């Protein structure tokens, strides 16, 4: 009887483990595989955007402050004595709005502080931070993700960016091996030795060793893997050049126009660059609307203006189109 109960307990534990694996482990493994399938620069940029959004969340900061108690503050005696007939509610100070662990003021672009206080992180955080946690922020990060991923996977490479790809399997022959004279059969010349071999077996062609065939197969696979890896690395390098140019140009424009953040402008620049690469390709929108890809950035501007009910909402998109056109003019 105890053995039967022990078997029942083990079966229940096994069922719970299988349920936990189905509900928790498998979704996490799928999420991990999707995360690492994203190109490296797109993964890094979107991860930084999500991290800054979470760190600026007041809800997360309030939760952490309640779970992690801080040092007790000493009582303040700066206020004078309260009259007995005075209500304590009248002396209550208005509570300040809760701030996140990383306030947006520390992330905004501020040219004097960058130049005088050497806060060189501000151009990068200003181009990465999309705002406080909200549905609009998630949609903007998703738009940047789609534009940067499309660029990193399909960007046209400049001539000579791949260099030369060597054979990763077969070693190069040495000079002594190349200069070694050919061995001849019975002192005959090359044509005579070839005729002698043909006369020995005229019906069957000379067979190649199996090891040489396998080595050539490994060589072809190695060259394919090396070429695909080289193309992916070259496209990531092109995308990195684009991002650094956008950070530099948009930080200068934002410093002159007193704009604190320009992440939306960077996303618009990536979208404009993708549309310039293949301008006549059709794009399917909601309700079955199709239009050429070259009109997509301007359609996004119209959507931003209609959503905000103000013309100034088009300023980030216009800055992104201008910086994207400048990069296209200088590189293409």
Protein backbone atom coordinates (compact mmCIF):
# COMPACT_ATOMS: atom_id res chain seq x y z
CA UNK A 1 0.00 0.00 0.00
CA UNK A 2 2.74 2.58 0.73
CA UNK A 3 4.35 1.73 -2.62
CA UNK A 4 1.04 2.32 -4.38
CA UNK A 5 0.62 5.72 -2.69
CA UNK A 6 4.20 6.63 -3.52
CA UNK A 7 3.51 5.78 -7.15
CA UNK A 8 0.40 7.98 -7.14
CA UNK A 9 2.37 10.89 -5.66
CA UNK A 10 5.09 10.50 -8.29
CA UNK A 11 2.48 10.44 -11.05
CA UNK A 12 0.92 13.66 -9.75
CA UNK A 13 4.32 15.32 -9.56
CA UNK A 14 5.09 14.20 -13.11
CA UNK A 15 1.76 15.56 -14.35
CA UNK A 16 2.42 18.93 -12.67
CA UNK A 17 5.91 19.10 -14.15
CA UNK A 18 4.53 18.35 -17.62
CA UNK A 19 1.86 21.04 -17.18
CA UNK A 20 4.44 23.60 -16.05
CA UNK A 21 6.64 22.70 -19.00
CA UNK A 22 3.74 23.15 -21.41
CA UNK A 23 2.57 26.46 -19.92
CA UNK A 24 5.88 28.11 -18.99
CA UNK A 25 8.98 26.47 -20.43
CA UNK A 26 7.80 26.02 -24.01
CA UNK A 27 6.51 29.63 -24.44
CA UNK A 28 9.75 30.93 -22.95
CA UNK A 29 11.80 28.77 -25.31
CA UNK A 30 9.76 30.01 -28.29
CA UNK A 31 10.22 33.60 -27.13
CA UNK A 32 13.96 33.07 -26.70
CA UNK A 33 14.33 31.54 -30.15
CA UNK A 34 12.38 34.45 -31.69
CA UNK A 35 14.47 37.00 -29.78
CA UNK A 36 17.77 35.59 -30.97
CA UNK A 37 16.50 35.22 -34.55
CA UNK A 38 16.19 39.02 -34.81
CA UNK A 39 19.24 40.69 -36.43
CA UNK A 40 21.73 41.97 -33.82
CA UNK A 41 21.41 45.74 -34.26
CA UNK A 42 17.63 45.65 -34.41
CA UNK A 43 17.58 43.45 -31.30
CA UNK A 44 19.92 45.81 -29.45
CA UNK A 45 18.01 48.96 -30.38
CA UNK A 46 14.55 47.60 -29.53
CA UNK A 47 15.80 46.05 -26.29
CA UNK A 48 17.27 49.40 -25.23
CA UNK A 49 13.99 51.14 -26.11
CA UNK A 50 11.92 48.70 -24.04
CA UNK A 51 14.37 48.91 -21.13
CA UNK A 52 14.28 52.72 -21.04
CA UNK A 53 10.48 52.63 -21.26
CA UNK A 54 10.25 50.27 -18.29
CA UNK A 55 12.75 52.24 -16.21
CA UNK A 56 10.77 55.44 -16.77
CA UNK A 57 7.51 53.82 -15.65
CA UNK A 58 6.13 55.32 -12.39
CA UNK A 59 4.17 52.11 -11.74
CA UNK A 60 7.32 50.00 -11.70
CA UNK A 61 9.09 52.54 -9.50
CA UNK A 62 6.20 52.60 -7.01
CA UNK A 63 6.09 48.81 -6.90
CA UNK A 64 9.82 48.54 -6.23
CA UNK A 65 9.69 51.23 -3.56
CA UNK A 66 6.92 49.39 -1.73
CA UNK A 67 8.71 46.04 -1.96
CA UNK A 68 12.16 47.41 -1.09
CA UNK A 69 11.87 49.69 1.94
CA UNK A 70 14.27 52.59 1.96
CA UNK A 71 15.91 54.36 4.92
CA UNK A 72 13.55 55.99 7.36
CA UNK A 73 13.41 59.76 6.96
CA UNK A 74 13.85 61.86 10.11
CA UNK A 75 10.89 63.96 11.18
CA UNK A 76 10.90 67.54 9.97
CA UNK A 77 10.31 70.38 12.47
CA UNK A 78 10.34 73.20 9.94
CA UNK A 79 6.59 73.86 10.30
CA UNK A 80 5.34 75.95 13.16
CA UNK A 81 2.90 74.77 15.82
CA UNK A 82 -0.57 74.02 14.57
CA UNK A 83 -3.58 75.74 16.11
CA UNK A 84 -5.94 73.32 17.89
CA UNK A 85 -8.90 74.44 15.79
CA UNK A 86 -7.00 74.09 12.52
CA UNK A 87 -7.73 70.98 10.50
CA UNK A 88 -4.77 68.74 9.65
CA UNK A 89 -6.14 68.38 6.14
CA UNK A 90 -5.51 72.06 5.44
CA UNK A 91 -1.79 71.61 6.18
CA UNK A 92 -1.36 68.61 3.90
CA UNK A 93 0.95 69.38 1.00
CA UNK A 94 -0.06 68.27 -2.46
CA UNK A 95 1.68 65.02 -3.26
CA UNK A 96 4.08 65.19 -6.19
CA UNK A 97 3.57 62.98 -9.19
CA UNK A 98 5.47 59.71 -8.90
CA UNK A 99 8.60 59.46 -11.00
CA UNK A 100 10.21 56.45 -12.57
CA UNK A 101 13.54 54.97 -11.65
CA UNK A 102 15.05 56.87 -14.58
CA UNK A 103 13.35 60.26 -15.12
CA UNK A 104 13.01 61.45 -18.71
CA UNK A 105 15.00 64.58 -17.85
CA UNK A 106 18.10 62.39 -17.61
CA UNK A 107 17.45 60.95 -21.09
CA UNK A 108 16.52 64.08 -23.03
CA UNK A 109 18.81 65.79 -25.52
CA UNK A 110 20.38 68.89 -23.96
CA UNK A 111 23.23 70.32 -26.01
CA UNK A 112 24.82 72.51 -23.29
CA UNK A 113 25.00 69.58 -20.87
CA UNK A 114 26.46 67.34 -23.56
CA UNK A 115 29.19 69.85 -24.36
CA UNK A 116 29.89 71.28 -20.90
CA UNK A 117 29.06 68.43 -18.52
CA UNK A 118 30.26 65.68 -20.92
CA UNK A 119 26.96 63.76 -20.75
CA UNK A 120 27.59 61.91 -23.99
CA UNK A 121 24.82 59.39 -23.42
CA UNK A 122 22.10 61.94 -24.12
CA UNK A 123 22.17 61.74 -27.96
CA UNK A 124 21.78 57.96 -27.79
CA UNK A 125 19.05 57.91 -25.14
CA UNK A 126 17.17 60.74 -26.87
CA UNK A 127 17.13 58.68 -30.05
CA UNK A 128 16.09 55.48 -28.26
CA UNK A 129 13.44 56.62 -25.75
CA UNK A 130 9.91 56.63 -27.22
CA UNK A 131 8.00 57.75 -24.12
CA UNK A 132 6.26 56.43 -21.05
CA UNK A 133 4.60 52.99 -21.17
CA UNK A 134 1.44 53.20 -23.27
CA UNK A 135 -0.14 51.64 -26.32
CA UNK A 136 1.20 54.41 -28.54
CA UNK A 137 4.74 53.78 -27.27
CA UNK A 138 4.45 50.07 -28.01
CA UNK A 139 3.22 50.81 -31.54
CA UNK A 140 6.08 53.24 -32.16
CA UNK A 141 8.65 50.70 -30.95
CA UNK A 142 7.06 48.07 -33.19
CA UNK A 143 7.27 50.46 -36.15
CA UNK A 144 10.97 51.03 -35.46
CA UNK A 145 11.45 47.26 -35.14
CA UNK A 146 9.87 46.51 -38.52
CA UNK A 147 11.77 49.29 -40.31
CA UNK A 148 15.17 48.44 -38.84
CA UNK A 149 14.74 44.70 -39.32
CA UNK A 150 13.73 45.17 -42.94
CA UNK A 151 16.77 47.38 -43.46
CA UNK A 152 19.20 45.00 -41.75
CA UNK A 153 17.92 42.02 -43.74
CA UNK A 154 17.54 43.57 -47.21
CA UNK A 155 19.81 46.62 -47.39
CA UNK A 156 21.80 46.92 -50.63
CA UNK A 157 25.52 46.48 -50.08
CA UNK A 158 28.08 48.86 -51.49
CA UNK A 159 30.64 47.42 -53.97
CA UNK A 160 33.62 45.86 -52.24
CA UNK A 161 31.96 45.67 -48.83
CA UNK A 162 32.23 41.88 -48.73
CA UNK A 163 35.93 41.74 -49.63
CA UNK A 164 37.12 38.26 -50.61
CA UNK A 165 35.96 34.94 -49.20
CA UNK A 166 38.64 32.27 -48.95
CA UNK A 167 38.05 28.54 -49.04
CA UNK A 168 37.54 27.56 -45.36
CA UNK A 169 38.24 23.83 -45.87
CA UNK A 170 40.91 23.28 -48.48
CA UNK A 171 44.33 24.71 -47.57
CA UNK A 172 46.22 26.77 -50.07
CA UNK A 173 49.01 24.88 -51.85
CA UNK A 174 52.48 25.93 -50.90
CA UNK A 175 55.04 27.24 -53.37
CA UNK A 176 57.12 24.05 -53.21
CA UNK A 177 54.02 21.98 -53.95
CA UNK A 178 53.05 24.12 -56.92
CA UNK A 179 56.56 23.92 -58.40
CA UNK A 180 56.85 20.13 -57.97
CA UNK A 181 57.23 18.45 -61.41
CA UNK A 182 54.63 16.01 -62.63
CA UNK A 183 55.43 12.33 -62.27
CA UNK A 184 55.43 10.48 -65.57
CA UNK A 185 54.81 6.81 -66.26
CA UNK A 186 57.86 4.79 -67.47
CA UNK A 187 59.65 7.93 -68.61
CA UNK A 188 57.03 8.71 -71.25
CA UNK A 189 55.75 12.16 -72.00
CA UNK A 190 52.47 13.58 -70.84
CA UNK A 191 50.54 12.73 -74.00
CA UNK A 192 51.95 9.21 -74.11
CA UNK A 193 51.12 8.54 -70.47
CA UNK A 194 47.58 9.81 -71.05
CA UNK A 195 47.21 7.52 -74.08
CA UNK A 196 48.58 4.60 -72.08
CA UNK A 197 45.99 5.20 -69.31
CA UNK A 198 43.22 5.50 -71.91
CA UNK A 199 44.29 2.25 -73.51
CA UNK A 200 44.23 0.47 -70.15
CA UNK A 201 40.56 1.40 -69.46
CA UNK A 202 38.88 2.96 -72.49
CA UNK A 203 35.30 2.27 -71.39
CA UNK A 204 35.27 3.58 -67.80
CA UNK A 205 36.14 7.21 -66.93
CA UNK A 206 38.68 7.81 -64.20
CA UNK A 207 36.94 7.65 -60.82
CA UNK A 208 37.59 10.27 -58.18
CA UNK A 209 38.37 9.24 -54.62
CA UNK A 210 35.49 9.36 -52.14
CA UNK A 211 37.49 11.47 -49.71
CA UNK A 212 38.01 14.17 -52.36
CA UNK A 213 34.28 14.22 -53.18
CA UNK A 214 33.34 14.55 -49.50
CA UNK A 215 35.90 17.29 -49.06
CA UNK A 216 34.47 19.22 -51.98
CA UNK A 217 30.98 18.85 -50.49
CA UNK A 218 32.22 20.21 -47.17
CA UNK A 219 33.96 23.01 -49.07
CA UNK A 220 30.75 24.03 -50.85
CA UNK A 221 28.81 24.04 -47.59
CA UNK A 222 31.55 25.99 -45.86
CA UNK A 223 31.63 28.56 -48.64
CA UNK A 224 27.83 28.92 -48.50
CA UNK A 225 27.89 29.43 -44.73
CA UNK A 226 30.81 31.85 -44.95
CA UNK A 227 29.16 33.84 -47.72
CA UNK A 228 25.81 34.08 -45.88
CA UNK A 229 27.59 35.10 -42.68
CA UNK A 230 29.63 37.69 -44.55
CA UNK A 231 26.51 39.15 -46.19
CA UNK A 232 24.71 39.36 -42.83
CA UNK A 233 27.74 41.03 -41.20
CA UNK A 234 28.05 43.52 -44.07
CA UNK A 235 24.36 44.42 -43.83
CA UNK A 236 24.65 44.88 -40.08
CA UNK A 237 27.63 47.17 -40.69
CA UNK A 238 25.59 49.21 -43.18
CA UNK A 239 22.76 49.49 -40.65
CA UNK A 240 25.21 50.54 -37.93
CA UNK A 241 26.53 53.28 -40.22
CA UNK A 242 22.96 54.44 -40.84
CA UNK A 243 22.16 54.52 -37.11
CA UNK A 244 25.31 56.44 -36.19
CA UNK A 245 24.64 58.98 -38.93
CA UNK A 246 21.07 59.44 -37.75
CA UNK A 247 22.12 59.84 -34.12
CA UNK A 248 24.67 62.50 -35.11
CA UNK A 249 22.50 64.46 -37.54
CA UNK A 250 19.27 64.31 -35.52
CA UNK A 251 21.05 65.26 -32.29
CA UNK A 252 22.40 68.39 -34.01
CA UNK A 253 18.95 69.26 -35.38
CA UNK A 254 17.27 68.54 -32.03
CA UNK A 255 19.84 70.66 -30.20
CA UNK A 256 19.14 73.60 -32.52
CA UNK A 257 15.34 73.24 -32.37
CA UNK A 258 15.23 72.46 -28.60
CA UNK A 259 13.64 69.05 -29.15
CA UNK A 260 14.17 66.68 -26.20
CA UNK A 261 13.67 63.36 -28.05
CA UNK A 262 13.95 62.24 -31.68
CA UNK A 263 13.35 58.47 -31.60
CA UNK A 264 10.26 58.87 -33.80
CA UNK A 265 12.36 60.83 -36.30
CA UNK A 266 14.92 58.02 -36.42
CA UNK A 267 12.15 55.48 -37.07
CA UNK A 268 10.78 57.69 -39.86
CA UNK A 269 14.26 57.96 -41.37
CA UNK A 270 14.59 54.15 -41.44
CA UNK A 271 11.14 53.86 -43.05
CA UNK A 272 12.04 56.51 -45.64
CA UNK A 273 15.30 54.73 -46.49
CA UNK A 274 13.47 51.44 -47.03
CA UNK A 275 10.94 53.15 -49.27
CA UNK A 276 13.65 54.81 -51.34
CA UNK A 277 15.30 51.43 -51.90
CA UNK A 278 12.24 50.06 -53.74
CA UNK A 279 9.86 52.99 -54.29
CA UNK A 280 7.43 51.38 -56.74
CA UNK A 281 6.71 48.24 -54.69
CA UNK A 282 3.02 48.05 -53.67
CA UNK A 283 2.13 48.19 -49.97
CA UNK A 284 -1.12 46.81 -48.58
CA UNK A 285 -2.74 48.91 -45.85
CA UNK A 286 -5.88 48.44 -43.81
CA UNK A 287 -9.21 47.95 -45.61
CA UNK A 288 -7.39 46.61 -48.69
CA UNK A 289 -5.87 49.95 -49.68
CA UNK A 290 -2.75 49.61 -51.84
CA UNK A 291 -0.33 52.36 -52.75
CA UNK A 292 3.30 52.61 -53.89
CA UNK A 293 5.88 52.33 -51.18
CA UNK A 294 7.28 55.80 -51.85
CA UNK A 295 4.13 57.42 -50.41
CA UNK A 296 4.24 55.47 -47.14
CA UNK A 297 6.29 58.01 -45.06
CA UNK A 298 3.95 60.83 -46.03
CA UNK A 299 0.94 58.70 -45.19
CA UNK A 300 2.45 58.12 -41.74
CA UNK A 301 2.79 61.91 -41.38
CA UNK A 302 -0.89 62.36 -42.21
CA UNK A 303 -1.87 59.72 -39.65
CA UNK A 304 0.19 61.46 -36.94
CA UNK A 305 -1.42 64.82 -37.72
CA UNK A 306 -4.94 63.38 -37.68
CA UNK A 307 -4.28 61.50 -34.44
CA UNK A 308 -2.87 64.54 -32.59
CA UNK A 309 -5.20 67.10 -34.26
CA UNK A 310 -2.24 69.47 -34.64
CA UNK A 311 0.17 70.27 -37.46
CA UNK A 312 3.18 70.25 -35.12
CA UNK A 313 2.78 66.47 -34.79
CA UNK A 314 4.31 66.20 -38.28
CA UNK A 315 7.62 67.77 -37.17
CA UNK A 316 9.32 64.47 -36.03
CA UNK A 317 8.33 62.73 -39.26
CA UNK A 318 9.56 65.63 -41.40
CA UNK A 319 12.90 65.64 -39.57
CA UNK A 320 13.22 61.89 -40.16
CA UNK A 321 12.45 62.29 -43.88
CA UNK A 322 15.04 65.09 -44.19
CA UNK A 323 17.76 63.13 -42.37
CA UNK A 324 16.93 59.97 -44.35
CA UNK A 325 17.15 61.90 -47.63
CA UNK A 326 20.49 63.38 -46.54
CA UNK A 327 21.88 59.92 -45.80
CA UNK A 328 20.60 58.61 -49.14
CA UNK A 329 22.18 61.56 -50.98
CA UNK A 330 25.56 61.09 -49.30
CA UNK A 331 25.75 57.29 -49.67
CA UNK A 332 23.86 56.47 -52.88
